[in-house]
Amino acid sequence: MSYFPMFMDMIDLKILVVGGGAIAAEKLEKVTDFTKEITVIAKEVSPQTQQLIKDHCLTLYTRPYKEGDIQGFDIVIVATDTVDLHKAIYKEARPYRILVNSVDNTDYCDFIFPSYVRKGDLTIAFSTGGASPAFAKQIRRHFEKLIPDSVGAFLAKMKGLRKTMPKGKERMAYFDSLVETYFKENFK
């Protein structure tokens, strides 16, 4: 089954990450791009995860997960090697409609993490629906090289212009011409 590609404002969402190893660090690197409302619960925390927690002022509880810890969270990311824990947290979250991502276990996922490129306001996501994360990562790397670093500044300029011009066909035509020129100059 394919996953619906959705871009969501996460700034005020509360995220719980269960686990503190390398995979938890990988997920933290992604979600800290979009929110800092993150709590980590883990018996042990890798140096990389510890550094991310410190750098982004995240909350850490150094202990095992216990039933009820999901209360008050919007999203839970389970990044452990314990399939039984993934299953238990997923089942616990059902009545509360809390979204769950169980790393490497799509049976207990409401969503999966895409591989993505982010430059300023531009975010492009790639997904294989869990079939091959390695392929998604490789195609992301390919497209990442094609997107100029100046795209963030260009989009900031476009955002500013949108606020100054009234909606209508003239504005649309003007923006289309700006984008066309940008592509001609930057995508050769």
N, C-alpha and C. Protein backbone atom coordinates (compact mmCIF):
# COMPACT_ATOMS: atom_id res chain seq x y z
N MET A 1 0.83 -1.18 0.00
CA MET A 1 0.00 0.00 0.00
C MET A 1 0.88 1.25 0.00
N SER A 2 0.49 2.24 -0.75
CA SER A 2 1.23 3.50 -0.79
C SER A 2 0.83 4.40 0.36
N TYR A 3 1.72 5.31 0.71
CA TYR A 3 1.45 6.28 1.75
C TYR A 3 1.13 7.63 1.12
N PHE A 4 0.20 8.35 1.73
CA PHE A 4 -0.19 9.67 1.26
C PHE A 4 0.92 10.67 1.60
N PRO A 5 1.43 11.40 0.61
CA PRO A 5 2.47 12.39 0.90
C PRO A 5 1.85 13.66 1.45
N MET A 6 2.10 13.94 2.72
CA MET A 6 1.47 15.08 3.38
C MET A 6 2.54 15.94 4.03
N PHE A 7 2.42 17.24 3.84
CA PHE A 7 3.30 18.17 4.52
C PHE A 7 2.50 18.80 5.65
N MET A 8 3.02 18.73 6.85
CA MET A 8 2.27 19.11 8.04
C MET A 8 3.06 20.16 8.84
N ASP A 9 2.36 21.16 9.36
CA ASP A 9 2.97 22.12 10.26
C ASP A 9 3.13 21.43 11.62
N MET A 10 4.37 21.21 12.02
CA MET A 10 4.64 20.48 13.26
C MET A 10 5.09 21.38 14.40
N ILE A 11 5.12 22.68 14.18
CA ILE A 11 5.74 23.59 15.13
C ILE A 11 5.18 23.45 16.55
N ASP A 12 3.89 23.20 16.70
CA ASP A 12 3.30 23.09 18.03
C ASP A 12 2.94 21.66 18.43
N LEU A 13 3.32 20.69 17.61
CA LEU A 13 3.03 19.30 17.94
C LEU A 13 4.06 18.78 18.94
N LYS A 14 3.59 17.93 19.84
CA LYS A 14 4.49 17.34 20.84
C LYS A 14 4.87 15.94 20.38
N ILE A 15 6.18 15.72 20.29
CA ILE A 15 6.73 14.48 19.76
C ILE A 15 7.41 13.72 20.89
N LEU A 16 7.16 12.42 20.95
CA LEU A 16 7.85 11.53 21.88
C LEU A 16 8.69 10.56 21.05
N VAL A 17 9.96 10.46 21.38
CA VAL A 17 10.84 9.48 20.76
C VAL A 17 11.20 8.47 21.84
N VAL A 18 10.90 7.20 21.58
CA VAL A 18 11.24 6.13 22.51
C VAL A 18 12.45 5.41 21.93
N GLY A 19 13.56 5.50 22.63
CA GLY A 19 14.82 4.92 22.17
C GLY A 19 15.88 6.00 22.09
N GLY A 20 17.14 5.59 22.23
CA GLY A 20 18.21 6.58 22.26
C GLY A 20 19.43 6.22 21.45
N GLY A 21 19.30 5.23 20.57
CA GLY A 21 20.44 4.78 19.78
C GLY A 21 20.61 5.54 18.48
N ALA A 22 21.33 4.93 17.56
CA ALA A 22 21.65 5.56 16.27
C ALA A 22 20.40 5.86 15.45
N ILE A 23 19.44 4.95 15.45
CA ILE A 23 18.21 5.16 14.67
C ILE A 23 17.39 6.29 15.29
N ALA A 24 17.34 6.37 16.60
CA ALA A 24 16.65 7.48 17.26
C ALA A 24 17.31 8.81 16.88
N ALA A 25 18.64 8.81 16.83
CA ALA A 25 19.36 10.02 16.44
C ALA A 25 19.01 10.43 15.01
N GLU A 26 18.92 9.44 14.13
CA GLU A 26 18.55 9.72 12.73
C GLU A 26 17.16 10.37 12.65
N LYS A 27 16.21 9.86 13.42
CA LYS A 27 14.85 10.43 13.42
C LYS A 27 14.86 11.81 14.06
N LEU A 28 15.62 11.98 15.13
CA LEU A 28 15.71 13.29 15.78
C LEU A 28 16.28 14.34 14.83
N GLU A 29 17.28 13.95 14.05
CA GLU A 29 17.86 14.89 13.07
C GLU A 29 16.78 15.40 12.12
N LYS A 30 15.86 14.53 11.75
CA LYS A 30 14.80 14.93 10.83
C LYS A 30 13.75 15.80 11.51
N VAL A 31 13.23 15.37 12.65
CA VAL A 31 12.13 16.12 13.25
C VAL A 31 12.57 17.45 13.86
N THR A 32 13.84 17.56 14.26
CA THR A 32 14.30 18.85 14.80
C THR A 32 14.39 19.92 13.71
N ASP A 33 14.31 19.53 12.45
CA ASP A 33 14.20 20.52 11.37
C ASP A 33 12.85 21.23 11.40
N PHE A 34 11.87 20.62 12.07
CA PHE A 34 10.49 21.11 11.98
C PHE A 34 9.84 21.46 13.32
N THR A 35 10.39 20.99 14.43
CA THR A 35 9.86 21.32 15.76
C THR A 35 10.93 21.03 16.81
N LYS A 36 10.77 21.68 17.94
CA LYS A 36 11.68 21.43 19.08
C LYS A 36 10.90 20.89 20.27
N GLU A 37 9.61 20.65 20.10
CA GLU A 37 8.74 20.12 21.17
C GLU A 37 8.91 18.59 21.24
N ILE A 38 10.10 18.16 21.62
CA ILE A 38 10.44 16.74 21.55
C ILE A 38 10.93 16.25 22.90
N THR A 39 10.41 15.09 23.30
CA THR A 39 10.84 14.40 24.51
C THR A 39 11.40 13.05 24.10
N VAL A 40 12.49 12.66 24.72
CA VAL A 40 13.11 11.36 24.46
C VAL A 40 13.05 10.55 25.75
N ILE A 41 12.61 9.30 25.61
CA ILE A 41 12.64 8.35 26.73
C ILE A 41 13.50 7.17 26.28
N ALA A 42 14.58 6.91 27.01
CA ALA A 42 15.48 5.82 26.63
C ALA A 42 16.27 5.35 27.85
N LYS A 43 16.48 4.03 27.91
CA LYS A 43 17.32 3.48 28.98
C LYS A 43 18.76 3.94 28.82
N GLU A 44 19.20 3.93 27.56
CA GLU A 44 20.57 4.35 27.25
C GLU A 44 20.51 5.32 26.08
N VAL A 45 21.45 6.26 26.06
CA VAL A 45 21.46 7.28 25.02
C VAL A 45 22.86 7.32 24.39
N SER A 46 22.89 7.20 23.06
CA SER A 46 24.17 7.25 22.35
C SER A 46 24.72 8.68 22.40
N PRO A 47 26.02 8.82 22.21
CA PRO A 47 26.62 10.17 22.20
C PRO A 47 25.98 11.08 21.14
N GLN A 48 25.66 10.53 19.98
CA GLN A 48 25.04 11.33 18.91
C GLN A 48 23.66 11.83 19.34
N THR A 49 22.87 10.94 19.95
CA THR A 49 21.54 11.32 20.43
C THR A 49 21.66 12.35 21.55
N GLN A 50 22.60 12.12 22.45
CA GLN A 50 22.83 13.06 23.56
C GLN A 50 23.18 14.44 23.03
N GLN A 51 23.99 14.50 21.99
CA GLN A 51 24.39 15.79 21.42
C GLN A 51 23.20 16.50 20.79
N LEU A 52 22.35 15.76 20.09
CA LEU A 52 21.15 16.36 19.50
C LEU A 52 20.21 16.90 20.58
N ILE A 53 20.06 16.15 21.65
CA ILE A 53 19.21 16.58 22.76
C ILE A 53 19.75 17.89 23.35
N LYS A 54 21.06 17.94 23.53
CA LYS A 54 21.70 19.14 24.07
C LYS A 54 21.58 20.32 23.10
N ASP A 55 21.92 20.10 21.84
CA ASP A 55 21.92 21.17 20.83
C ASP A 55 20.55 21.79 20.63
N HIS A 56 19.49 20.99 20.77
CA HIS A 56 18.13 21.47 20.50
C HIS A 56 17.29 21.66 21.77
N CYS A 57 17.95 21.55 22.94
CA CYS A 57 17.27 21.73 24.24
C CYS A 57 16.02 20.85 24.35
N LEU A 58 16.17 19.56 24.02
CA LEU A 58 15.07 18.62 24.10
C LEU A 58 14.99 18.06 25.52
N THR A 59 13.86 17.45 25.83
CA THR A 59 13.67 16.83 27.15
C THR A 59 14.08 15.37 27.09
N LEU A 60 14.82 14.91 28.09
CA LEU A 60 15.27 13.52 28.14
C LEU A 60 14.91 12.90 29.48
N TYR A 61 14.33 11.69 29.41
CA TYR A 61 14.11 10.85 30.58
C TYR A 61 14.91 9.57 30.36
N THR A 62 15.93 9.37 31.18
CA THR A 62 16.79 8.19 31.05
C THR A 62 16.19 7.06 31.87
N ARG A 63 15.29 6.32 31.24
CA ARG A 63 14.59 5.21 31.88
C ARG A 63 13.85 4.44 30.80
N PRO A 64 13.36 3.25 31.13
CA PRO A 64 12.56 2.51 30.14
C PRO A 64 11.19 3.17 29.94
N TYR A 65 10.61 2.93 28.79
CA TYR A 65 9.25 3.38 28.51
C TYR A 65 8.29 2.64 29.43
N LYS A 66 7.26 3.33 29.91
CA LYS A 66 6.21 2.66 30.68
C LYS A 66 4.85 3.09 30.14
N GLU A 67 3.90 2.21 30.26
CA GLU A 67 2.56 2.49 29.75
C GLU A 67 2.06 3.81 30.32
N GLY A 68 1.46 4.61 29.45
CA GLY A 68 0.96 5.92 29.84
C GLY A 68 1.88 7.07 29.43
N ASP A 69 3.13 6.75 29.08
CA ASP A 69 4.07 7.80 28.68
C ASP A 69 3.62 8.55 27.42
N ILE A 70 2.77 7.95 26.63
CA ILE A 70 2.34 8.61 25.38
C ILE A 70 1.32 9.72 25.62
N GLN A 71 0.74 9.76 26.80
CA GLN A 71 -0.29 10.76 27.11
C GLN A 71 0.25 12.18 26.88
N GLY A 72 -0.53 12.98 26.16
CA GLY A 72 -0.16 14.37 25.91
C GLY A 72 0.69 14.59 24.68
N PHE A 73 1.04 13.51 23.99
CA PHE A 73 1.84 13.64 22.78
C PHE A 73 0.96 13.49 21.54
N ASP A 74 1.37 14.13 20.46
CA ASP A 74 0.65 14.04 19.19
C ASP A 74 1.23 12.95 18.30
N ILE A 75 2.53 12.75 18.41
CA ILE A 75 3.24 11.78 17.58
C ILE A 75 4.23 11.02 18.45
N VAL A 76 4.31 9.71 18.23
CA VAL A 76 5.28 8.88 18.94
C VAL A 76 6.14 8.17 17.89
N ILE A 77 7.44 8.25 18.08
CA ILE A 77 8.39 7.54 17.22
C ILE A 77 9.07 6.49 18.09
N VAL A 78 8.89 5.23 17.72
CA VAL A 78 9.47 4.13 18.49
C VAL A 78 10.71 3.64 17.73
N ALA A 79 11.87 3.92 18.31
CA ALA A 79 13.15 3.59 17.67
C ALA A 79 13.95 2.67 18.57
N THR A 80 13.43 1.45 18.75
CA THR A 80 14.11 0.45 19.58
C THR A 80 14.23 -0.85 18.78
N ASP A 81 14.92 -1.82 19.35
CA ASP A 81 15.05 -3.14 18.72
C ASP A 81 13.99 -4.11 19.24
N THR A 82 13.07 -3.64 20.07
CA THR A 82 12.11 -4.52 20.73
C THR A 82 10.76 -4.46 20.02
N VAL A 83 10.48 -5.46 19.18
CA VAL A 83 9.24 -5.48 18.41
C VAL A 83 8.02 -5.49 19.32
N ASP A 84 8.10 -6.19 20.44
CA ASP A 84 6.97 -6.22 21.38
C ASP A 84 6.64 -4.83 21.90
N LEU A 85 7.66 -4.01 22.12
CA LEU A 85 7.43 -2.64 22.58
C LEU A 85 6.78 -1.81 21.47
N HIS A 86 7.22 -1.99 20.25
CA HIS A 86 6.62 -1.29 19.10
C HIS A 86 5.12 -1.62 19.04
N LYS A 87 4.81 -2.89 19.14
CA LYS A 87 3.42 -3.35 19.07
C LYS A 87 2.60 -2.79 20.24
N ALA A 88 3.15 -2.83 21.43
CA ALA A 88 2.43 -2.36 22.62
C ALA A 88 2.15 -0.86 22.54
N ILE A 89 3.12 -0.08 22.12
CA ILE A 89 2.93 1.36 22.02
C ILE A 89 1.91 1.68 20.93
N TYR A 90 2.00 0.98 19.81
CA TYR A 90 1.04 1.19 18.71
C TYR A 90 -0.38 0.92 19.20
N LYS A 91 -0.57 -0.20 19.88
CA LYS A 91 -1.91 -0.55 20.38
C LYS A 91 -2.38 0.45 21.44
N GLU A 92 -1.47 0.88 22.29
CA GLU A 92 -1.82 1.86 23.32
C GLU A 92 -2.26 3.19 22.70
N ALA A 93 -1.68 3.56 21.59
CA ALA A 93 -1.96 4.85 20.94
C ALA A 93 -3.29 4.88 20.19
N ARG A 94 -3.80 3.71 19.79
CA ARG A 94 -5.03 3.65 18.97
C ARG A 94 -6.20 4.45 19.55
N PRO A 95 -6.58 4.24 20.80
CA PRO A 95 -7.76 4.96 21.31
C PRO A 95 -7.56 6.48 21.38
N TYR A 96 -6.30 6.92 21.45
CA TYR A 96 -6.01 8.34 21.61
C TYR A 96 -5.74 9.03 20.28
N ARG A 97 -5.74 8.27 19.20
CA ARG A 97 -5.50 8.80 17.86
C ARG A 97 -4.14 9.51 17.77
N ILE A 98 -3.17 8.98 18.49
CA ILE A 98 -1.80 9.47 18.43
C ILE A 98 -1.12 8.77 17.27
N LEU A 99 -0.48 9.54 16.41
CA LEU A 99 0.22 8.96 15.27
C LEU A 99 1.51 8.28 15.74
N VAL A 100 1.76 7.09 15.20
CA VAL A 100 2.93 6.31 15.60
C VAL A 100 3.77 5.95 14.38
N ASN A 101 5.08 6.10 14.56
CA ASN A 101 6.04 5.59 13.59
C ASN A 101 6.90 4.58 14.33
N SER A 102 6.84 3.33 13.91
CA SER A 102 7.69 2.28 14.46
C SER A 102 8.80 2.02 13.45
N VAL A 103 10.00 2.41 13.82
CA VAL A 103 11.13 2.33 12.90
C VAL A 103 11.34 0.90 12.44
N ASP A 104 11.43 0.72 11.13
CA ASP A 104 11.66 -0.58 10.49
C ASP A 104 10.57 -1.60 10.79
N ASN A 105 9.36 -1.14 11.07
CA ASN A 105 8.27 -2.07 11.35
C ASN A 105 6.95 -1.43 10.91
N THR A 106 6.67 -1.48 9.61
CA THR A 106 5.49 -0.81 9.06
C THR A 106 4.17 -1.38 9.58
N ASP A 107 4.19 -2.58 10.16
CA ASP A 107 2.96 -3.13 10.74
C ASP A 107 2.44 -2.27 11.87
N TYR A 108 3.32 -1.50 12.49
CA TYR A 108 2.94 -0.67 13.63
C TYR A 108 3.20 0.81 13.35
N CYS A 109 2.93 1.21 12.10
CA CYS A 109 3.14 2.60 11.68
C CYS A 109 1.85 3.22 11.15
N ASP A 110 1.63 4.46 11.51
CA ASP A 110 0.60 5.27 10.87
C ASP A 110 1.21 6.09 9.74
N PHE A 111 2.51 6.31 9.81
CA PHE A 111 3.22 7.08 8.79
C PHE A 111 4.66 6.60 8.75
N ILE A 112 5.32 6.92 7.65
CA ILE A 112 6.73 6.62 7.53
C ILE A 112 7.48 7.91 7.23
N PHE A 113 8.76 7.90 7.48
CA PHE A 113 9.60 9.06 7.20
C PHE A 113 10.09 8.99 5.76
N PRO A 114 9.87 10.04 5.00
CA PRO A 114 10.45 10.05 3.66
C PRO A 114 11.92 10.48 3.75
N SER A 115 12.62 10.25 2.69
CA SER A 115 13.93 10.86 2.53
C SER A 115 13.64 12.22 1.92
N TYR A 116 14.26 13.28 2.40
CA TYR A 116 13.88 14.59 1.88
C TYR A 116 15.07 15.53 1.73
N VAL A 117 14.85 16.52 0.88
CA VAL A 117 15.79 17.62 0.68
C VAL A 117 15.09 18.85 1.21
N ARG A 118 15.80 19.64 2.00
CA ARG A 118 15.23 20.90 2.50
C ARG A 118 16.24 22.01 2.28
N LYS A 119 15.81 23.01 1.53
CA LYS A 119 16.62 24.21 1.31
C LYS A 119 15.69 25.40 1.47
N GLY A 120 15.82 26.11 2.59
CA GLY A 120 14.91 27.22 2.87
C GLY A 120 13.49 26.69 2.98
N ASP A 121 12.56 27.32 2.27
CA ASP A 121 11.16 26.90 2.30
C ASP A 121 10.87 25.75 1.35
N LEU A 122 11.85 25.32 0.59
CA LEU A 122 11.63 24.20 -0.33
C LEU A 122 11.91 22.88 0.38
N THR A 123 10.93 22.01 0.39
CA THR A 123 11.12 20.66 0.91
C THR A 123 10.59 19.70 -0.14
N ILE A 124 11.43 18.78 -0.56
CA ILE A 124 11.03 17.76 -1.54
C ILE A 124 11.24 16.41 -0.87
N ALA A 125 10.18 15.60 -0.85
CA ALA A 125 10.24 14.30 -0.17
C ALA A 125 10.21 13.16 -1.17
N PHE A 126 10.91 12.08 -0.82
CA PHE A 126 10.97 10.88 -1.64
C PHE A 126 10.61 9.68 -0.79
N SER A 127 9.75 8.82 -1.30
CA SER A 127 9.35 7.64 -0.55
C SER A 127 9.14 6.47 -1.49
N THR A 128 9.47 5.30 -1.00
CA THR A 128 9.17 4.06 -1.73
C THR A 128 8.12 3.26 -0.98
N GLY A 129 7.42 3.92 -0.05
CA GLY A 129 6.41 3.23 0.74
C GLY A 129 6.99 2.16 1.65
N GLY A 130 8.26 2.31 1.97
CA GLY A 130 8.93 1.34 2.83
C GLY A 130 9.57 0.19 2.07
N ALA A 131 9.39 0.15 0.74
CA ALA A 131 9.95 -0.95 -0.06
C ALA A 131 11.47 -0.91 -0.09
N SER A 132 12.06 0.29 -0.20
CA SER A 132 13.51 0.39 -0.25
C SER A 132 13.96 1.77 0.23
N PRO A 133 14.15 1.93 1.54
CA PRO A 133 14.69 3.20 2.03
C PRO A 133 16.03 3.57 1.39
N ALA A 134 16.82 2.57 1.02
CA ALA A 134 18.10 2.84 0.37
C ALA A 134 17.89 3.53 -0.99
N PHE A 135 16.87 3.10 -1.73
CA PHE A 135 16.57 3.73 -3.01
C PHE A 135 16.11 5.17 -2.79
N ALA A 136 15.24 5.39 -1.82
CA ALA A 136 14.74 6.74 -1.53
C ALA A 136 15.90 7.66 -1.16
N LYS A 137 16.84 7.15 -0.36
CA LYS A 137 18.00 7.94 0.03
C LYS A 137 18.86 8.29 -1.18
N GLN A 138 19.06 7.32 -2.07
CA GLN A 138 19.90 7.55 -3.24
C GLN A 138 19.27 8.56 -4.21
N ILE A 139 17.97 8.46 -4.44
CA ILE A 139 17.32 9.41 -5.35
C ILE A 139 17.28 10.80 -4.72
N ARG A 140 17.17 10.88 -3.39
CA ARG A 140 17.25 12.17 -2.71
C ARG A 140 18.61 12.80 -2.95
N ARG A 141 19.66 12.02 -2.80
CA ARG A 141 21.02 12.54 -3.02
C ARG A 141 21.19 13.06 -4.44
N HIS A 142 20.61 12.34 -5.40
CA HIS A 142 20.68 12.76 -6.80
C HIS A 142 20.03 14.14 -6.99
N PHE A 143 18.82 14.31 -6.49
CA PHE A 143 18.09 15.57 -6.67
C PHE A 143 18.68 16.69 -5.82
N GLU A 144 19.24 16.34 -4.69
CA GLU A 144 19.86 17.35 -3.82
C GLU A 144 20.96 18.09 -4.56
N LYS A 145 21.71 17.37 -5.39
CA LYS A 145 22.79 17.98 -6.17
C LYS A 145 22.26 18.91 -7.25
N LEU A 146 21.05 18.67 -7.72
CA LEU A 146 20.48 19.47 -8.81
C LEU A 146 19.88 20.79 -8.33
N ILE A 147 19.51 20.87 -7.08
CA ILE A 147 18.82 22.05 -6.57
C ILE A 147 19.85 23.08 -6.10
N PRO A 148 19.83 24.27 -6.69
CA PRO A 148 20.83 25.28 -6.30
C PRO A 148 20.62 25.78 -4.87
N ASP A 149 21.72 26.13 -4.23
CA ASP A 149 21.64 26.65 -2.86
C ASP A 149 20.88 27.97 -2.80
N SER A 150 20.81 28.69 -3.91
CA SER A 150 20.14 29.99 -3.95
C SER A 150 18.62 29.87 -3.89
N VAL A 151 18.08 28.66 -3.94
CA VAL A 151 16.62 28.50 -3.97
C VAL A 151 15.95 29.06 -2.71
N GLY A 152 16.59 28.95 -1.58
CA GLY A 152 16.02 29.49 -0.34
C GLY A 152 15.82 30.99 -0.42
N ALA A 153 16.83 31.71 -0.90
CA ALA A 153 16.73 33.17 -1.04
C ALA A 153 15.68 33.53 -2.09
N PHE A 154 15.63 32.78 -3.17
CA PHE A 154 14.63 33.05 -4.21
C PHE A 154 13.22 32.88 -3.66
N LEU A 155 12.98 31.81 -2.92
CA LEU A 155 11.65 31.58 -2.35
C LEU A 155 11.29 32.63 -1.29
N ALA A 156 12.28 33.10 -0.54
CA ALA A 156 12.02 34.17 0.43
C ALA A 156 11.59 35.44 -0.31
N LYS A 157 12.24 35.72 -1.42
CA LYS A 157 11.86 36.88 -2.25
C LYS A 157 10.42 36.71 -2.76
N MET A 158 10.09 35.52 -3.24
CA MET A 158 8.75 35.26 -3.77
C MET A 158 7.70 35.41 -2.66
N LYS A 159 8.02 34.92 -1.48
CA LYS A 159 7.09 35.02 -0.34
C LYS A 159 6.81 36.50 -0.02
N GLY A 160 7.87 37.31 -0.03
CA GLY A 160 7.72 38.74 0.23
C GLY A 160 6.87 39.42 -0.83
N LEU A 161 7.08 39.07 -2.08
CA LEU A 161 6.29 39.65 -3.18
C LEU A 161 4.82 39.29 -3.08
N ARG A 162 4.54 38.07 -2.64
CA ARG A 162 3.13 37.63 -2.52
C ARG A 162 2.35 38.53 -1.57
N LYS A 163 3.04 39.05 -0.58
CA LYS A 163 2.38 39.91 0.41
C LYS A 163 2.13 41.33 -0.11
N THR A 164 2.86 41.71 -1.15
CA THR A 164 2.77 43.09 -1.63
C THR A 164 1.89 43.25 -2.86
N MET A 165 1.54 42.17 -3.51
CA MET A 165 0.78 42.27 -4.75
C MET A 165 -0.60 41.65 -4.59
N PRO A 166 -1.61 42.30 -5.16
CA PRO A 166 -2.96 41.72 -5.08
C PRO A 166 -3.07 40.45 -5.93
N LYS A 167 -3.92 39.52 -5.48
CA LYS A 167 -4.14 38.28 -6.22
C LYS A 167 -4.77 38.60 -7.57
N GLY A 168 -4.53 37.71 -8.51
CA GLY A 168 -5.14 37.88 -9.83
C GLY A 168 -4.24 37.35 -10.93
N LYS A 169 -4.73 37.44 -12.14
CA LYS A 169 -4.01 36.90 -13.30
C LYS A 169 -2.69 37.61 -13.54
N GLU A 170 -2.65 38.91 -13.31
CA GLU A 170 -1.40 39.65 -13.54
C GLU A 170 -0.31 39.17 -12.58
N ARG A 171 -0.68 38.99 -11.31
CA ARG A 171 0.28 38.50 -10.32
C ARG A 171 0.76 37.11 -10.71
N MET A 172 -0.16 36.24 -11.09
CA MET A 172 0.21 34.87 -11.49
C MET A 172 1.17 34.89 -12.66
N ALA A 173 0.89 35.71 -13.66
CA ALA A 173 1.76 35.79 -14.84
C ALA A 173 3.14 36.32 -14.46
N TYR A 174 3.17 37.32 -13.59
CA TYR A 174 4.43 37.89 -13.14
C TYR A 174 5.26 36.86 -12.39
N PHE A 175 4.63 36.14 -11.46
CA PHE A 175 5.33 35.11 -10.71
C PHE A 175 5.82 33.98 -11.62
N ASP A 176 4.99 33.59 -12.57
CA ASP A 176 5.41 32.55 -13.53
C ASP A 176 6.66 33.00 -14.28
N SER A 177 6.71 34.26 -14.68
CA SER A 177 7.87 34.76 -15.42
C SER A 177 9.12 34.77 -14.54
N LEU A 178 8.95 35.17 -13.25
CA LEU A 178 10.10 35.16 -12.33
C LEU A 178 10.64 33.74 -12.14
N VAL A 179 9.73 32.80 -11.96
CA VAL A 179 10.15 31.40 -11.76
C VAL A 179 10.81 30.85 -13.03
N GLU A 180 10.23 31.15 -14.17
CA GLU A 180 10.81 30.71 -15.44
C GLU A 180 12.23 31.23 -15.60
N THR A 181 12.43 32.52 -15.30
CA THR A 181 13.76 33.11 -15.39
C THR A 181 14.72 32.44 -14.41
N TYR A 182 14.25 32.21 -13.19
CA TYR A 182 15.10 31.55 -12.19
C TYR A 182 15.54 30.18 -12.68
N PHE A 183 14.60 29.41 -13.24
CA PHE A 183 14.94 28.08 -13.75
C PHE A 183 15.95 28.16 -14.89
N LYS A 184 15.74 29.08 -15.81
CA LYS A 184 16.68 29.24 -16.94
C LYS A 184 18.08 29.57 -16.48
N GLU A 185 18.18 30.38 -15.43
CA GLU A 185 19.48 30.81 -14.93
C GLU A 185 20.15 29.78 -14.01
N ASN A 186 19.37 28.92 -13.38
CA ASN A 186 19.93 28.04 -12.34
C ASN A 186 19.86 26.55 -12.62
N PHE A 187 19.08 26.14 -13.58
CA PHE A 187 18.95 24.72 -13.89
C PHE A 187 19.41 24.49 -15.34
N LYS A 188 20.70 24.51 -15.51
CA LYS A 188 21.26 24.37 -16.87
C LYS A 188 21.72 22.96 -17.12
